[in-house]
Amino acid sequence: MNKSYTGIVLATLIALFLTGCSEDNSNHPAGVSAQLTDEQVENIVRRSYQYVAMYNVNNK
């Protein structure tokens, strides 16, 4: 029984190591952000207010 846990842990560690050490082949440059106007930001805030309020009520 102890050997089966060792095998599972070893397989998990190998899988994590292989996925963590892979190259990032994305073509998205790092540090690029979207430029939003004040009107767009205000629209996002106005539309998300109800969800923030619902989250606050549900987590009291």
PDB file of N, CA and C in Angstrom:
ATOM      1  N   MET A   1       0.821  -1.185   0.000  1.00  0.00           N
ATOM      2  CA  MET A   1       0.000   0.000   0.000  1.00  0.00           C
ATOM      3  C   MET A   1       0.870   1.255   0.000  1.00  0.00           C
ATOM      4  N   ASN A   2       1.955   1.228   0.715  1.00  0.00           N
ATOM      5  CA  ASN A   2       2.848   2.375   0.781  1.00  0.00           C
ATOM      6  C   ASN A   2       3.541   2.599  -0.561  1.00  0.00           C
ATOM      7  N   LYS A   3       3.835   1.506  -1.276  1.00  0.00           N
ATOM      8  CA  LYS A   3       4.486   1.632  -2.582  1.00  0.00           C
ATOM      9  C   LYS A   3       3.551   2.258  -3.612  1.00  0.00           C
ATOM     10  N   SER A   4       2.258   1.984  -3.496  1.00  0.00           N
ATOM     11  CA  SER A   4       1.323   2.570  -4.453  1.00  0.00           C
ATOM     12  C   SER A   4       1.237   4.081  -4.263  1.00  0.00           C
ATOM     13  N   TYR A   5       1.272   4.543  -3.021  1.00  0.00           N
ATOM     14  CA  TYR A   5       1.284   5.989  -2.777  1.00  0.00           C
ATOM     15  C   TYR A   5       2.567   6.617  -3.305  1.00  0.00           C
ATOM     16  N   THR A   6       3.675   5.926  -3.144  1.00  0.00           N
ATOM     17  CA  THR A   6       4.949   6.441  -3.646  1.00  0.00           C
ATOM     18  C   THR A   6       4.908   6.561  -5.159  1.00  0.00           C
ATOM     19  N   GLY A   7       4.333   5.591  -5.830  1.00  0.00           N
ATOM     20  CA  GLY A   7       4.218   5.639  -7.283  1.00  0.00           C
ATOM     21  C   GLY A   7       3.324   6.769  -7.752  1.00  0.00           C
ATOM     22  N   ILE A   8       2.223   6.968  -7.057  1.00  0.00           N
ATOM     23  CA  ILE A   8       1.302   8.047  -7.420  1.00  0.00           C
ATOM     24  C   ILE A   8       1.965   9.401  -7.214  1.00  0.00           C
ATOM     25  N   VAL A   9       2.642   9.559  -6.083  1.00  0.00           N
ATOM     26  CA  VAL A   9       3.326  10.826  -5.804  1.00  0.00           C
ATOM     27  C   VAL A   9       4.430  11.063  -6.813  1.00  0.00           C
ATOM     28  N   LEU A  10       5.181  10.043  -7.147  1.00  0.00           N
ATOM     29  CA  LEU A  10       6.263  10.174  -8.122  1.00  0.00           C
ATOM     30  C   LEU A  10       5.715  10.539  -9.499  1.00  0.00           C
ATOM     31  N   ALA A  11       4.649   9.902  -9.921  1.00  0.00           N
ATOM     32  CA  ALA A  11       4.049  10.214 -11.220  1.00  0.00           C
ATOM     33  C   ALA A  11       3.519  11.643 -11.244  1.00  0.00           C
ATOM     34  N   THR A  12       2.914  12.080 -10.154  1.00  0.00           N
ATOM     35  CA  THR A  12       2.405  13.449 -10.078  1.00  0.00           C
ATOM     36  C   THR A  12       3.536  14.460 -10.139  1.00  0.00           C
ATOM     37  N   LEU A  13       4.615  14.201  -9.415  1.00  0.00           N
ATOM     38  CA  LEU A  13       5.754  15.119  -9.432  1.00  0.00           C
ATOM     39  C   LEU A  13       6.398  15.197 -10.810  1.00  0.00           C
ATOM     40  N   ILE A  14       6.508  14.078 -11.487  1.00  0.00           N
ATOM     41  CA  ILE A  14       7.074  14.079 -12.841  1.00  0.00           C
ATOM     42  C   ILE A  14       6.177  14.864 -13.789  1.00  0.00           C
ATOM     43  N   ALA A  15       4.868  14.657 -13.684  1.00  0.00           N
ATOM     44  CA  ALA A  15       3.938  15.390 -14.550  1.00  0.00           C
ATOM     45  C   ALA A  15       4.011  16.887 -14.287  1.00  0.00           C
ATOM     46  N   LEU A  16       4.072  17.283 -13.025  1.00  0.00           N
ATOM     47  CA  LEU A  16       4.185  18.705 -12.695  1.00  0.00           C
ATOM     48  C   LEU A  16       5.502  19.283 -13.183  1.00  0.00           C
ATOM     49  N   PHE A  17       6.572  18.521 -13.060  1.00  0.00           N
ATOM     50  CA  PHE A  17       7.877  18.991 -13.511  1.00  0.00           C
ATOM     51  C   PHE A  17       7.891  19.185 -15.023  1.00  0.00           C
ATOM     52  N   LEU A  18       7.327  18.241 -15.751  1.00  0.00           N
ATOM     53  CA  LEU A  18       7.339  18.338 -17.213  1.00  0.00           C
ATOM     54  C   LEU A  18       6.464  19.475 -17.717  1.00  0.00           C
ATOM     55  N   THR A  19       5.323  19.694 -17.094  1.00  0.00           N
ATOM     56  CA  THR A  19       4.469  20.792 -17.543  1.00  0.00           C
ATOM     57  C   THR A  19       4.995  22.138 -17.073  1.00  0.00           C
ATOM     58  N   GLY A  20       5.639  22.180 -15.942  1.00  0.00           N
ATOM     59  CA  GLY A  20       6.177  23.429 -15.426  1.00  0.00           C
ATOM     60  C   GLY A  20       7.428  23.879 -16.147  1.00  0.00           C
ATOM     61  N   CYS A  21       8.152  22.951 -16.742  1.00  0.00           N
ATOM     62  CA  CYS A  21       9.407  23.292 -17.408  1.00  0.00           C
ATOM     63  C   CYS A  21       9.258  23.423 -18.915  1.00  0.00           C
ATOM     64  N   SER A  22       8.044  23.377 -19.413  1.00  0.00           N
ATOM     65  CA  SER A  22       7.868  23.498 -20.858  1.00  0.00           C
ATOM     66  C   SER A  22       8.031  24.945 -21.286  1.00  0.00           C
ATOM     67  N   GLU A  23       8.388  25.139 -22.548  1.00  0.00           N
ATOM     68  CA  GLU A  23       8.557  26.486 -23.084  1.00  0.00           C
ATOM     69  C   GLU A  23       7.201  27.118 -23.335  1.00  0.00           C
ATOM     70  N   ASP A  24       7.159  28.418 -23.188  1.00  0.00           N
ATOM     71  CA  ASP A  24       5.942  29.170 -23.482  1.00  0.00           C
ATOM     72  C   ASP A  24       6.015  29.613 -24.935  1.00  0.00           C
ATOM     73  N   ASN A  25       5.187  29.029 -25.775  1.00  0.00           N
ATOM     74  CA  ASN A  25       5.226  29.326 -27.203  1.00  0.00           C
ATOM     75  C   ASN A  25       4.155  30.320 -27.618  1.00  0.00           C
ATOM     76  N   SER A  26       3.608  31.051 -26.669  1.00  0.00           N
ATOM     77  CA  SER A  26       2.564  32.000 -27.034  1.00  0.00           C
ATOM     78  C   SER A  26       3.179  33.210 -27.725  1.00  0.00           C
ATOM     79  N   ASN A  27       2.424  33.796 -28.612  1.00  0.00           N
ATOM     80  CA  ASN A  27       2.894  34.949 -29.364  1.00  0.00           C
ATOM     81  C   ASN A  27       2.435  36.257 -28.739  1.00  0.00           C
ATOM     82  N   HIS A  28       1.973  36.201 -27.491  1.00  0.00           N
ATOM     83  CA  HIS A  28       1.486  37.395 -26.822  1.00  0.00           C
ATOM     84  C   HIS A  28       2.646  38.043 -26.069  1.00  0.00           C
ATOM     85  N   PRO A  29       2.979  39.271 -26.402  1.00  0.00           N
ATOM     86  CA  PRO A  29       4.059  39.933 -25.669  1.00  0.00           C
ATOM     87  C   PRO A  29       3.635  40.243 -24.237  1.00  0.00           C
ATOM     88  N   ALA A  30       4.559  40.066 -23.317  1.00  0.00           N
ATOM     89  CA  ALA A  30       4.257  40.307 -21.911  1.00  0.00           C
ATOM     90  C   ALA A  30       4.197  41.801 -21.632  1.00  0.00           C
ATOM     91  N   GLY A  31       3.348  42.172 -20.725  1.00  0.00           N
ATOM     92  CA  GLY A  31       3.264  43.555 -20.303  1.00  0.00           C
ATOM     93  C   GLY A  31       2.399  44.445 -21.173  1.00  0.00           C
ATOM     94  N   VAL A  32       1.691  43.889 -22.128  1.00  0.00           N
ATOM     95  CA  VAL A  32       0.824  44.693 -22.982  1.00  0.00           C
ATOM     96  C   VAL A  32      -0.544  44.781 -22.318  1.00  0.00           C
ATOM     97  N   SER A  33      -1.058  45.978 -22.177  1.00  0.00           N
ATOM     98  CA  SER A  33      -2.367  46.151 -21.559  1.00  0.00           C
ATOM     99  C   SER A  33      -3.286  46.910 -22.501  1.00  0.00           C
ATOM    100  N   ALA A  34      -4.571  46.731 -22.280  1.00  0.00           N
ATOM    101  CA  ALA A  34      -5.567  47.401 -23.115  1.00  0.00           C
ATOM    102  C   ALA A  34      -5.707  48.849 -22.667  1.00  0.00           C
ATOM    103  N   GLN A  35      -5.918  49.718 -23.604  1.00  0.00           N
ATOM    104  CA  GLN A  35      -6.146  51.130 -23.304  1.00  0.00           C
ATOM    105  C   GLN A  35      -7.652  51.372 -23.290  1.00  0.00           C
ATOM    106  N   LEU A  36      -8.172  51.740 -22.124  1.00  0.00           N
ATOM    107  CA  LEU A  36      -9.601  51.975 -21.976  1.00  0.00           C
ATOM    108  C   LEU A  36      -9.852  53.456 -21.735  1.00  0.00           C
ATOM    109  N   THR A  37     -10.927  53.930 -22.306  1.00  0.00           N
ATOM    110  CA  THR A  37     -11.318  55.314 -22.060  1.00  0.00           C
ATOM    111  C   THR A  37     -12.041  55.395 -20.721  1.00  0.00           C
ATOM    112  N   ASP A  38     -12.199  56.603 -20.215  1.00  0.00           N
ATOM    113  CA  ASP A  38     -12.921  56.793 -18.953  1.00  0.00           C
ATOM    114  C   ASP A  38     -14.357  56.292 -19.060  1.00  0.00           C
ATOM    115  N   GLU A  39     -14.952  56.471 -20.207  1.00  0.00           N
ATOM    116  CA  GLU A  39     -16.328  56.012 -20.423  1.00  0.00           C
ATOM    117  C   GLU A  39     -16.411  54.489 -20.354  1.00  0.00           C
ATOM    118  N   GLN A  40     -15.434  53.787 -20.923  1.00  0.00           N
ATOM    119  CA  GLN A  40     -15.433  52.330 -20.892  1.00  0.00           C
ATOM    120  C   GLN A  40     -15.221  51.815 -19.472  1.00  0.00           C
ATOM    121  N   VAL A  41     -14.332  52.447 -18.723  1.00  0.00           N
ATOM    122  CA  VAL A  41     -14.100  52.033 -17.339  1.00  0.00           C
ATOM    123  C   VAL A  41     -15.353  52.258 -16.505  1.00  0.00           C
ATOM    124  N   GLU A  42     -15.998  53.396 -16.685  1.00  0.00           N
ATOM    125  CA  GLU A  42     -17.230  53.685 -15.951  1.00  0.00           C
ATOM    126  C   GLU A  42     -18.314  52.667 -16.288  1.00  0.00           C
ATOM    127  N   ASN A  43     -18.398  52.263 -17.540  1.00  0.00           N
ATOM    128  CA  ASN A  43     -19.374  51.262 -17.961  1.00  0.00           C
ATOM    129  C   ASN A  43     -19.096  49.917 -17.290  1.00  0.00           C
ATOM    130  N   ILE A  44     -17.835  49.519 -17.227  1.00  0.00           N
ATOM    131  CA  ILE A  44     -17.471  48.251 -16.581  1.00  0.00           C
ATOM    132  C   ILE A  44     -17.829  48.291 -15.103  1.00  0.00           C
ATOM    133  N   VAL A  45     -17.508  49.390 -14.443  1.00  0.00           N
ATOM    134  CA  VAL A  45     -17.811  49.516 -13.016  1.00  0.00           C
ATOM    135  C   VAL A  45     -19.314  49.484 -12.783  1.00  0.00           C
ATOM    136  N   ARG A  46     -20.058  50.206 -13.591  1.00  0.00           N
ATOM    137  CA  ARG A  46     -21.517  50.255 -13.441  1.00  0.00           C
ATOM    138  C   ARG A  46     -22.133  48.876 -13.654  1.00  0.00           C
ATOM    139  N   ARG A  47     -21.647  48.140 -14.639  1.00  0.00           N
ATOM    140  CA  ARG A  47     -22.224  46.827 -14.935  1.00  0.00           C
ATOM    141  C   ARG A  47     -21.820  45.772 -13.917  1.00  0.00           C
ATOM    142  N   SER A  48     -20.676  45.918 -13.260  1.00  0.00           N
ATOM    143  CA  SER A  48     -20.220  44.905 -12.314  1.00  0.00           C
ATOM    144  C   SER A  48     -20.686  45.169 -10.887  1.00  0.00           C
ATOM    145  N   TYR A  49     -21.239  46.347 -10.620  1.00  0.00           N
ATOM    146  CA  TYR A  49     -21.647  46.702  -9.259  1.00  0.00           C
ATOM    147  C   TYR A  49     -22.641  45.698  -8.681  1.00  0.00           C
ATOM    148  N   GLN A  50     -23.604  45.246  -9.464  1.00  0.00           N
ATOM    149  CA  GLN A  50     -24.615  44.318  -8.952  1.00  0.00           C
ATOM    150  C   GLN A  50     -23.998  42.990  -8.534  1.00  0.00           C
ATOM    151  N   TYR A  51     -22.965  42.529  -9.241  1.00  0.00           N
ATOM    152  CA  TYR A  51     -22.332  41.259  -8.897  1.00  0.00           C
ATOM    153  C   TYR A  51     -21.491  41.393  -7.634  1.00  0.00           C
ATOM    154  N   VAL A  52     -20.854  42.535  -7.456  1.00  0.00           N
ATOM    155  CA  VAL A  52     -20.095  42.779  -6.233  1.00  0.00           C
ATOM    156  C   VAL A  52     -21.040  42.840  -5.042  1.00  0.00           C
ATOM    157  N   ALA A  53     -22.169  43.506  -5.201  1.00  0.00           N
ATOM    158  CA  ALA A  53     -23.155  43.586  -4.124  1.00  0.00           C
ATOM    159  C   ALA A  53     -23.697  42.201  -3.781  1.00  0.00           C
ATOM    160  N   MET A  54     -23.967  41.376  -4.786  1.00  0.00           N
ATOM    161  CA  MET A  54     -24.472  40.023  -4.549  1.00  0.00           C
ATOM    162  C   MET A  54     -23.417  39.188  -3.820  1.00  0.00           C
ATOM    163  N   TYR A  55     -22.153  39.328  -4.190  1.00  0.00           N
ATOM    164  CA  TYR A  55     -21.068  38.606  -3.526  1.00  0.00           C
ATOM    165  C   TYR A  55     -20.999  39.008  -2.058  1.00  0.00           C
ATOM    166  N   ASN A  56     -21.095  40.306  -1.787  1.00  0.00           N
ATOM    167  CA  ASN A  56     -21.025  40.784  -0.406  1.00  0.00           C
ATOM    168  C   ASN A  56     -22.193  40.273   0.426  1.00  0.00           C
ATOM    169  N   VAL A  57     -23.387  40.199  -0.146  1.00  0.00           N
ATOM    170  CA  VAL A  57     -24.553  39.699   0.585  1.00  0.00           C
ATOM    171  C   VAL A  57     -24.412  38.207   0.858  1.00  0.00           C
ATOM    172  N   ASN A  58     -23.938  37.450  -0.111  1.00  0.00           N
ATOM    173  CA  ASN A  58     -23.832  35.998   0.041  1.00  0.00           C
ATOM    174  C   ASN A  58     -22.720  35.586   0.990  1.00  0.00           C
ATOM    175  N   ASN A  59     -21.730  36.417   1.205  1.00  0.00           N
ATOM    176  CA  ASN A  59     -20.587  36.037   2.041  1.00  0.00           C
ATOM    177  C   ASN A  59     -20.593  36.710   3.410  1.00  0.00           C
ATOM    178  N   LYS A  60     -21.762  37.088   3.887  1.00  0.00           N
ATOM    179  CA  LYS A  60     -21.856  37.653   5.245  1.00  0.00           C
ATOM    180  C   LYS A  60     -21.995  36.554   6.247  1.00  0.00           C
TER     181      LYS A  60
END
